[in-house]
Amino acid sequence: MGMPLELNTMIVTKGREKRVEENLFTLEKEGFRLYPIEIPVDVRKTIESESNGTAMIKKVEWQKNSTTITYQLISLNSTN
């Protein structure tokens, strides 16, 4: 029996990220997803939106058909 797995190369938050510390966030996504760890990836609100910044994923956890990632924001693209 197989396990459905999705490979993601960017973080799409849809506004559901939670701040843990100053530049550290967690995000829970439905399903099992695999992300690159310790490699800079884009952070976007939606797939079609402009990049909000760059982050490095520190931890990926799978449980009960969901994936929780912990990531550190390393740069922020400002509109100002």
PDB file of N, CA and C in Angstrom:
ATOM      1  N   MET A   1       0.851  -1.176   0.000  1.00  0.00           N
ATOM      2  CA  MET A   1       0.000   0.000   0.000  1.00  0.00           C
ATOM      3  C   MET A   1       0.893   1.233   0.000  1.00  0.00           C
ATOM      4  N   GLY A   2       0.626   2.173  -0.891  1.00  0.00           N
ATOM      5  CA  GLY A   2       1.446   3.375  -1.027  1.00  0.00           C
ATOM      6  C   GLY A   2       0.962   4.511  -0.149  1.00  0.00           C
ATOM      7  N   MET A   3       1.817   5.484   0.002  1.00  0.00           N
ATOM      8  CA  MET A   3       1.497   6.681   0.775  1.00  0.00           C
ATOM      9  C   MET A   3       1.580   7.877  -0.172  1.00  0.00           C
ATOM     10  N   PRO A   4       0.488   8.654  -0.340  1.00  0.00           N
ATOM     11  CA  PRO A   4       0.575   9.834  -1.208  1.00  0.00           C
ATOM     12  C   PRO A   4       1.531  10.863  -0.610  1.00  0.00           C
ATOM     13  N   LEU A   5       2.421  11.386  -1.454  1.00  0.00           N
ATOM     14  CA  LEU A   5       3.437  12.317  -0.993  1.00  0.00           C
ATOM     15  C   LEU A   5       3.590  13.422  -2.019  1.00  0.00           C
ATOM     16  N   GLU A   6       3.638  14.649  -1.560  1.00  0.00           N
ATOM     17  CA  GLU A   6       3.801  15.805  -2.437  1.00  0.00           C
ATOM     18  C   GLU A   6       5.142  16.457  -2.150  1.00  0.00           C
ATOM     19  N   LEU A   7       5.888  16.800  -3.197  1.00  0.00           N
ATOM     20  CA  LEU A   7       7.176  17.466  -3.056  1.00  0.00           C
ATOM     21  C   LEU A   7       6.971  18.961  -3.291  1.00  0.00           C
ATOM     22  N   ASN A   8       7.309  19.785  -2.313  1.00  0.00           N
ATOM     23  CA  ASN A   8       7.138  21.229  -2.408  1.00  0.00           C
ATOM     24  C   ASN A   8       8.485  21.929  -2.435  1.00  0.00           C
ATOM     25  N   THR A   9       8.604  22.940  -3.311  1.00  0.00           N
ATOM     26  CA  THR A   9       9.843  23.711  -3.413  1.00  0.00           C
ATOM     27  C   THR A   9       9.638  25.167  -3.043  1.00  0.00           C
ATOM     28  N   MET A  10       8.471  25.505  -2.503  1.00  0.00           N
ATOM     29  CA  MET A  10       8.210  26.833  -1.953  1.00  0.00           C
ATOM     30  C   MET A  10       7.205  26.683  -0.818  1.00  0.00           C
ATOM     31  N   ILE A  11       7.151  27.687   0.046  1.00  0.00           N
ATOM     32  CA  ILE A  11       6.205  27.688   1.155  1.00  0.00           C
ATOM     33  C   ILE A  11       5.041  28.585   0.763  1.00  0.00           C
ATOM     34  N   VAL A  12       3.831  28.033   0.733  1.00  0.00           N
ATOM     35  CA  VAL A  12       2.619  28.797   0.437  1.00  0.00           C
ATOM     36  C   VAL A  12       1.807  28.841   1.733  1.00  0.00           C
ATOM     37  N   THR A  13       1.710  30.033   2.335  1.00  0.00           N
ATOM     38  CA  THR A  13       1.140  30.136   3.682  1.00  0.00           C
ATOM     39  C   THR A  13      -0.377  30.292   3.723  1.00  0.00           C
ATOM     40  N   LYS A  14      -0.959  30.928   2.730  1.00  0.00           N
ATOM     41  CA  LYS A  14      -2.390  31.260   2.728  1.00  0.00           C
ATOM     42  C   LYS A  14      -2.795  31.964   4.018  1.00  0.00           C
ATOM     43  N   GLY A  15      -1.833  32.644   4.655  1.00  0.00           N
ATOM     44  CA  GLY A  15      -2.098  33.406   5.875  1.00  0.00           C
ATOM     45  C   GLY A  15      -2.267  32.563   7.124  1.00  0.00           C
ATOM     46  N   ARG A  16      -1.901  31.279   7.094  1.00  0.00           N
ATOM     47  CA  ARG A  16      -2.112  30.393   8.249  1.00  0.00           C
ATOM     48  C   ARG A  16      -0.846  30.125   9.050  1.00  0.00           C
ATOM     49  N   GLU A  17       0.227  30.848   8.775  1.00  0.00           N
ATOM     50  CA  GLU A  17       1.467  30.650   9.527  1.00  0.00           C
ATOM     51  C   GLU A  17       1.306  31.196  10.950  1.00  0.00           C
ATOM     52  N   LYS A  18       2.054  30.619  11.878  1.00  0.00           N
ATOM     53  CA  LYS A  18       2.029  31.061  13.277  1.00  0.00           C
ATOM     54  C   LYS A  18       3.445  31.410  13.691  1.00  0.00           C
ATOM     55  N   ARG A  19       3.608  32.594  14.267  1.00  0.00           N
ATOM     56  CA  ARG A  19       4.924  33.038  14.718  1.00  0.00           C
ATOM     57  C   ARG A  19       5.267  32.356  16.042  1.00  0.00           C
ATOM     58  N   VAL A  20       6.468  31.748  16.097  1.00  0.00           N
ATOM     59  CA  VAL A  20       6.957  31.097  17.312  1.00  0.00           C
ATOM     60  C   VAL A  20       7.902  32.040  18.040  1.00  0.00           C
ATOM     61  N   GLU A  21       8.824  32.620  17.294  1.00  0.00           N
ATOM     62  CA  GLU A  21       9.772  33.605  17.805  1.00  0.00           C
ATOM     63  C   GLU A  21       9.865  34.717  16.777  1.00  0.00           C
ATOM     64  N   GLU A  22      10.867  35.573  16.921  1.00  0.00           N
ATOM     65  CA  GLU A  22      11.007  36.731  16.048  1.00  0.00           C
ATOM     66  C   GLU A  22      10.947  36.375  14.559  1.00  0.00           C
ATOM     67  N   ASN A  23      11.800  35.496  14.085  1.00  0.00           N
ATOM     68  CA  ASN A  23      11.825  35.108  12.671  1.00  0.00           C
ATOM     69  C   ASN A  23      11.521  33.630  12.461  1.00  0.00           C
ATOM     70  N   LEU A  24      10.937  32.964  13.445  1.00  0.00           N
ATOM     71  CA  LEU A  24      10.649  31.540  13.381  1.00  0.00           C
ATOM     72  C   LEU A  24       9.138  31.327  13.325  1.00  0.00           C
ATOM     73  N   PHE A  25       8.684  30.540  12.348  1.00  0.00           N
ATOM     74  CA  PHE A  25       7.257  30.320  12.133  1.00  0.00           C
ATOM     75  C   PHE A  25       6.970  28.838  11.998  1.00  0.00           C
ATOM     76  N   THR A  26       5.710  28.457  12.255  1.00  0.00           N
ATOM     77  CA  THR A  26       5.243  27.102  11.968  1.00  0.00           C
ATOM     78  C   THR A  26       4.049  27.210  11.029  1.00  0.00           C
ATOM     79  N   LEU A  27       3.865  26.165  10.248  1.00  0.00           N
ATOM     80  CA  LEU A  27       2.756  26.111   9.302  1.00  0.00           C
ATOM     81  C   LEU A  27       2.319  24.668   9.175  1.00  0.00           C
ATOM     82  N   GLU A  28       1.026  24.417   9.330  1.00  0.00           N
ATOM     83  CA  GLU A  28       0.485  23.067   9.171  1.00  0.00           C
ATOM     84  C   GLU A  28      -0.262  22.993   7.849  1.00  0.00           C
ATOM     85  N   LYS A  29       0.052  21.954   7.068  1.00  0.00           N
ATOM     86  CA  LYS A  29      -0.575  21.729   5.768  1.00  0.00           C
ATOM     87  C   LYS A  29      -1.212  20.341   5.765  1.00  0.00           C
ATOM     88  N   GLU A  30      -2.320  20.193   5.069  1.00  0.00           N
ATOM     89  CA  GLU A  30      -3.000  18.909   4.966  1.00  0.00           C
ATOM     90  C   GLU A  30      -2.217  17.975   4.048  1.00  0.00           C
ATOM     91  N   GLY A  31      -2.181  16.708   4.386  1.00  0.00           N
ATOM     92  CA  GLY A  31      -1.491  15.701   3.577  1.00  0.00           C
ATOM     93  C   GLY A  31      -0.015  15.594   3.940  1.00  0.00           C
ATOM     94  N   PHE A  32       0.633  14.642   3.303  1.00  0.00           N
ATOM     95  CA  PHE A  32       2.061  14.435   3.534  1.00  0.00           C
ATOM     96  C   PHE A  32       2.850  15.180   2.475  1.00  0.00           C
ATOM     97  N   ARG A  33       3.730  16.064   2.901  1.00  0.00           N
ATOM     98  CA  ARG A  33       4.520  16.901   1.999  1.00  0.00           C
ATOM     99  C   ARG A  33       5.988  16.815   2.387  1.00  0.00           C
ATOM    100  N   LEU A  34       6.825  16.872   1.372  1.00  0.00           N
ATOM    101  CA  LEU A  34       8.262  16.833   1.584  1.00  0.00           C
ATOM    102  C   LEU A  34       8.837  18.175   1.148  1.00  0.00           C
ATOM    103  N   TYR A  35       9.659  18.778   1.998  1.00  0.00           N
ATOM    104  CA  TYR A  35      10.283  20.070   1.735  1.00  0.00           C
ATOM    105  C   TYR A  35      11.794  19.940   1.863  1.00  0.00           C
ATOM    106  N   PRO A  36      12.548  20.744   1.106  1.00  0.00           N
ATOM    107  CA  PRO A  36      14.008  20.751   1.300  1.00  0.00           C
ATOM    108  C   PRO A  36      14.348  21.425   2.630  1.00  0.00           C
ATOM    109  N   ILE A  37      15.251  20.852   3.378  1.00  0.00           N
ATOM    110  CA  ILE A  37      15.644  21.393   4.685  1.00  0.00           C
ATOM    111  C   ILE A  37      16.978  22.122   4.546  1.00  0.00           C
ATOM    112  N   GLU A  38      17.071  23.280   5.218  1.00  0.00           N
ATOM    113  CA  GLU A  38      18.294  24.091   5.253  1.00  0.00           C
ATOM    114  C   GLU A  38      18.718  24.604   3.869  1.00  0.00           C
ATOM    115  N   ILE A  39      17.750  24.785   2.974  1.00  0.00           N
ATOM    116  CA  ILE A  39      17.987  25.376   1.653  1.00  0.00           C
ATOM    117  C   ILE A  39      17.012  26.535   1.509  1.00  0.00           C
ATOM    118  N   PRO A  40      17.457  27.720   1.073  1.00  0.00           N
ATOM    119  CA  PRO A  40      16.538  28.854   0.930  1.00  0.00           C
ATOM    120  C   PRO A  40      15.416  28.554  -0.079  1.00  0.00           C
ATOM    121  N   VAL A  41      14.172  28.827   0.324  1.00  0.00           N
ATOM    122  CA  VAL A  41      13.000  28.660  -0.537  1.00  0.00           C
ATOM    123  C   VAL A  41      12.138  29.915  -0.456  1.00  0.00           C
ATOM    124  N   ASP A  42      11.350  30.163  -1.513  1.00  0.00           N
ATOM    125  CA  ASP A  42      10.432  31.304  -1.538  1.00  0.00           C
ATOM    126  C   ASP A  42       9.299  31.094  -0.555  1.00  0.00           C
ATOM    127  N   VAL A  43       8.807  32.210   0.018  1.00  0.00           N
ATOM    128  CA  VAL A  43       7.608  32.203   0.851  1.00  0.00           C
ATOM    129  C   VAL A  43       6.585  33.078   0.141  1.00  0.00           C
ATOM    130  N   ARG A  44       5.399  32.532  -0.093  1.00  0.00           N
ATOM    131  CA  ARG A  44       4.332  33.261  -0.779  1.00  0.00           C
ATOM    132  C   ARG A  44       3.023  33.068  -0.046  1.00  0.00           C
ATOM    133  N   LYS A  45       2.141  34.038  -0.174  1.00  0.00           N
ATOM    134  CA  LYS A  45       0.817  33.921   0.435  1.00  0.00           C
ATOM    135  C   LYS A  45      -0.043  32.945  -0.371  1.00  0.00           C
ATOM    136  N   THR A  46       0.015  33.030  -1.711  1.00  0.00           N
ATOM    137  CA  THR A  46      -0.650  32.086  -2.602  1.00  0.00           C
ATOM    138  C   THR A  46       0.354  31.675  -3.675  1.00  0.00           C
ATOM    139  N   ILE A  47       0.043  30.649  -4.418  1.00  0.00           N
ATOM    140  CA  ILE A  47       0.958  30.179  -5.462  1.00  0.00           C
ATOM    141  C   ILE A  47       1.179  31.257  -6.517  1.00  0.00           C
ATOM    142  N   GLU A  48       0.126  32.007  -6.852  1.00  0.00           N
ATOM    143  CA  GLU A  48       0.210  33.012  -7.897  1.00  0.00           C
ATOM    144  C   GLU A  48       0.782  34.353  -7.436  1.00  0.00           C
ATOM    145  N   SER A  49       0.870  34.589  -6.142  1.00  0.00           N
ATOM    146  CA  SER A  49       1.299  35.897  -5.627  1.00  0.00           C
ATOM    147  C   SER A  49       2.811  36.086  -5.754  1.00  0.00           C
ATOM    148  N   GLU A  50       3.226  37.330  -5.597  1.00  0.00           N
ATOM    149  CA  GLU A  50       4.659  37.650  -5.572  1.00  0.00           C
ATOM    150  C   GLU A  50       5.291  37.050  -4.316  1.00  0.00           C
ATOM    151  N   SER A  51       6.589  36.862  -4.363  1.00  0.00           N
ATOM    152  CA  SER A  51       7.317  36.326  -3.215  1.00  0.00           C
ATOM    153  C   SER A  51       7.301  37.325  -2.059  1.00  0.00           C
ATOM    154  N   ASN A  52       6.970  36.848  -0.854  1.00  0.00           N
ATOM    155  CA  ASN A  52       6.999  37.685   0.346  1.00  0.00           C
ATOM    156  C   ASN A  52       8.385  37.711   0.971  1.00  0.00           C
ATOM    157  N   GLY A  53       9.202  36.710   0.664  1.00  0.00           N
ATOM    158  CA  GLY A  53      10.540  36.627   1.239  1.00  0.00           C
ATOM    159  C   GLY A  53      11.147  35.263   0.988  1.00  0.00           C
ATOM    160  N   THR A  54      12.212  35.002   1.727  1.00  0.00           N
ATOM    161  CA  THR A  54      12.938  33.741   1.623  1.00  0.00           C
ATOM    162  C   THR A  54      13.074  33.144   3.017  1.00  0.00           C
ATOM    163  N   ALA A  55      12.947  31.828   3.094  1.00  0.00           N
ATOM    164  CA  ALA A  55      13.033  31.140   4.383  1.00  0.00           C
ATOM    165  C   ALA A  55      13.871  29.881   4.243  1.00  0.00           C
ATOM    166  N   MET A  56      14.331  29.397   5.399  1.00  0.00           N
ATOM    167  CA  MET A  56      15.008  28.102   5.472  1.00  0.00           C
ATOM    168  C   MET A  56      14.184  27.212   6.402  1.00  0.00           C
ATOM    169  N   ILE A  57      13.798  26.059   5.895  1.00  0.00           N
ATOM    170  CA  ILE A  57      13.002  25.124   6.688  1.00  0.00           C
ATOM    171  C   ILE A  57      13.929  24.387   7.641  1.00  0.00           C
ATOM    172  N   LYS A  58      13.564  24.420   8.913  1.00  0.00           N
ATOM    173  CA  LYS A  58      14.375  23.801   9.964  1.00  0.00           C
ATOM    174  C   LYS A  58      13.880  22.409  10.355  1.00  0.00           C
ATOM    175  N   LYS A  59      12.544  22.185  10.264  1.00  0.00           N
ATOM    176  CA  LYS A  59      11.998  20.898  10.709  1.00  0.00           C
ATOM    177  C   LYS A  59      10.726  20.582   9.925  1.00  0.00           C
ATOM    178  N   VAL A  60      10.553  19.308   9.579  1.00  0.00           N
ATOM    179  CA  VAL A  60       9.344  18.811   8.923  1.00  0.00           C
ATOM    180  C   VAL A  60       8.818  17.656   9.769  1.00  0.00           C
ATOM    181  N   GLU A  61       7.528  17.725  10.134  1.00  0.00           N
ATOM    182  CA  GLU A  61       6.909  16.668  10.944  1.00  0.00           C
ATOM    183  C   GLU A  61       5.665  16.152  10.235  1.00  0.00           C
ATOM    184  N   TRP A  62       5.530  14.828  10.157  1.00  0.00           N
ATOM    185  CA  TRP A  62       4.345  14.200   9.593  1.00  0.00           C
ATOM    186  C   TRP A  62       3.580  13.509  10.708  1.00  0.00           C
ATOM    187  N   GLN A  63       2.265  13.762  10.751  1.00  0.00           N
ATOM    188  CA  GLN A  63       1.415  13.016  11.681  1.00  0.00           C
ATOM    189  C   GLN A  63      -0.046  13.208  11.315  1.00  0.00           C
ATOM    190  N   LYS A  64      -0.834  12.156  11.458  1.00  0.00           N
ATOM    191  CA  LYS A  64      -2.282  12.181  11.228  1.00  0.00           C
ATOM    192  C   LYS A  64      -2.653  12.870   9.920  1.00  0.00           C
ATOM    193  N   ASN A  65      -2.035  12.454   8.826  1.00  0.00           N
ATOM    194  CA  ASN A  65      -2.303  12.974   7.484  1.00  0.00           C
ATOM    195  C   ASN A  65      -2.095  14.482   7.369  1.00  0.00           C
ATOM    196  N   SER A  66      -1.127  15.012   8.107  1.00  0.00           N
ATOM    197  CA  SER A  66      -0.780  16.426   7.969  1.00  0.00           C
ATOM    198  C   SER A  66       0.728  16.603   8.116  1.00  0.00           C
ATOM    199  N   THR A  67       1.203  17.713   7.589  1.00  0.00           N
ATOM    200  CA  THR A  67       2.619  18.060   7.651  1.00  0.00           C
ATOM    201  C   THR A  67       2.753  19.387   8.365  1.00  0.00           C
ATOM    202  N   THR A  68       3.630  19.453   9.352  1.00  0.00           N
ATOM    203  CA  THR A  68       3.921  20.703  10.040  1.00  0.00           C
ATOM    204  C   THR A  68       5.373  21.045   9.773  1.00  0.00           C
ATOM    205  N   ILE A  69       5.591  22.273   9.265  1.00  0.00           N
ATOM    206  CA  ILE A  69       6.963  22.716   9.028  1.00  0.00           C
ATOM    207  C   ILE A  69       7.290  23.863   9.968  1.00  0.00           C
ATOM    208  N   THR A  70       8.529  23.922  10.372  1.00  0.00           N
ATOM    209  CA  THR A  70       9.061  25.038  11.142  1.00  0.00           C
ATOM    210  C   THR A  70      10.111  25.683  10.257  1.00  0.00           C
ATOM    211  N   TYR A  71       9.948  26.982  10.006  1.00  0.00           N
ATOM    212  CA  TYR A  71      10.886  27.660   9.116  1.00  0.00           C
ATOM    213  C   TYR A  71      11.319  28.999   9.688  1.00  0.00           C
ATOM    214  N   GLN A  72      12.517  29.414   9.277  1.00  0.00           N
ATOM    215  CA  GLN A  72      13.086  30.677   9.718  1.00  0.00           C
ATOM    216  C   GLN A  72      13.109  31.629   8.530  1.00  0.00           C
ATOM    217  N   LEU A  73      12.491  32.784   8.679  1.00  0.00           N
ATOM    218  CA  LEU A  73      12.491  33.796   7.643  1.00  0.00           C
ATOM    219  C   LEU A  73      13.853  34.452   7.611  1.00  0.00           C
ATOM    220  N   ILE A  74      14.545  34.398   6.463  1.00  0.00           N
ATOM    221  CA  ILE A  74      15.892  34.944   6.388  1.00  0.00           C
ATOM    222  C   ILE A  74      15.925  36.258   5.608  1.00  0.00           C
ATOM    223  N   SER A  75      14.903  36.519   4.783  1.00  0.00           N
ATOM    224  CA  SER A  75      14.794  37.825   4.135  1.00  0.00           C
ATOM    225  C   SER A  75      13.329  38.105   3.855  1.00  0.00           C
ATOM    226  N   LEU A  76      12.976  39.379   3.883  1.00  0.00           N
ATOM    227  CA  LEU A  76      11.603  39.809   3.692  1.00  0.00           C
ATOM    228  C   LEU A  76      11.572  40.818   2.555  1.00  0.00           C
ATOM    229  N   ASN A  77      10.696  40.584   1.597  1.00  0.00           N
ATOM    230  CA  ASN A  77      10.518  41.540   0.495  1.00  0.00           C
ATOM    231  C   ASN A  77       9.453  42.547   0.919  1.00  0.00           C
ATOM    232  N   SER A  78       9.844  43.793   1.042  1.00  0.00           N
ATOM    233  CA  SER A  78       8.948  44.841   1.517  1.00  0.00           C
ATOM    234  C   SER A  78       8.384  45.626   0.342  1.00  0.00           C
ATOM    235  N   THR A  79       7.143  46.106   0.481  1.00  0.00           N
ATOM    236  CA  THR A  79       6.518  46.917  -0.561  1.00  0.00           C
ATOM    237  C   THR A  79       6.853  48.386  -0.401  1.00  0.00           C
ATOM    238  N   ASN A  80       7.548  48.751   0.662  1.00  0.00           N
ATOM    239  CA  ASN A  80       7.904  50.159   0.886  1.00  0.00           C
ATOM    240  C   ASN A  80       9.129  50.559   0.098  1.00  0.00           C
TER     241      ASN A  80
END
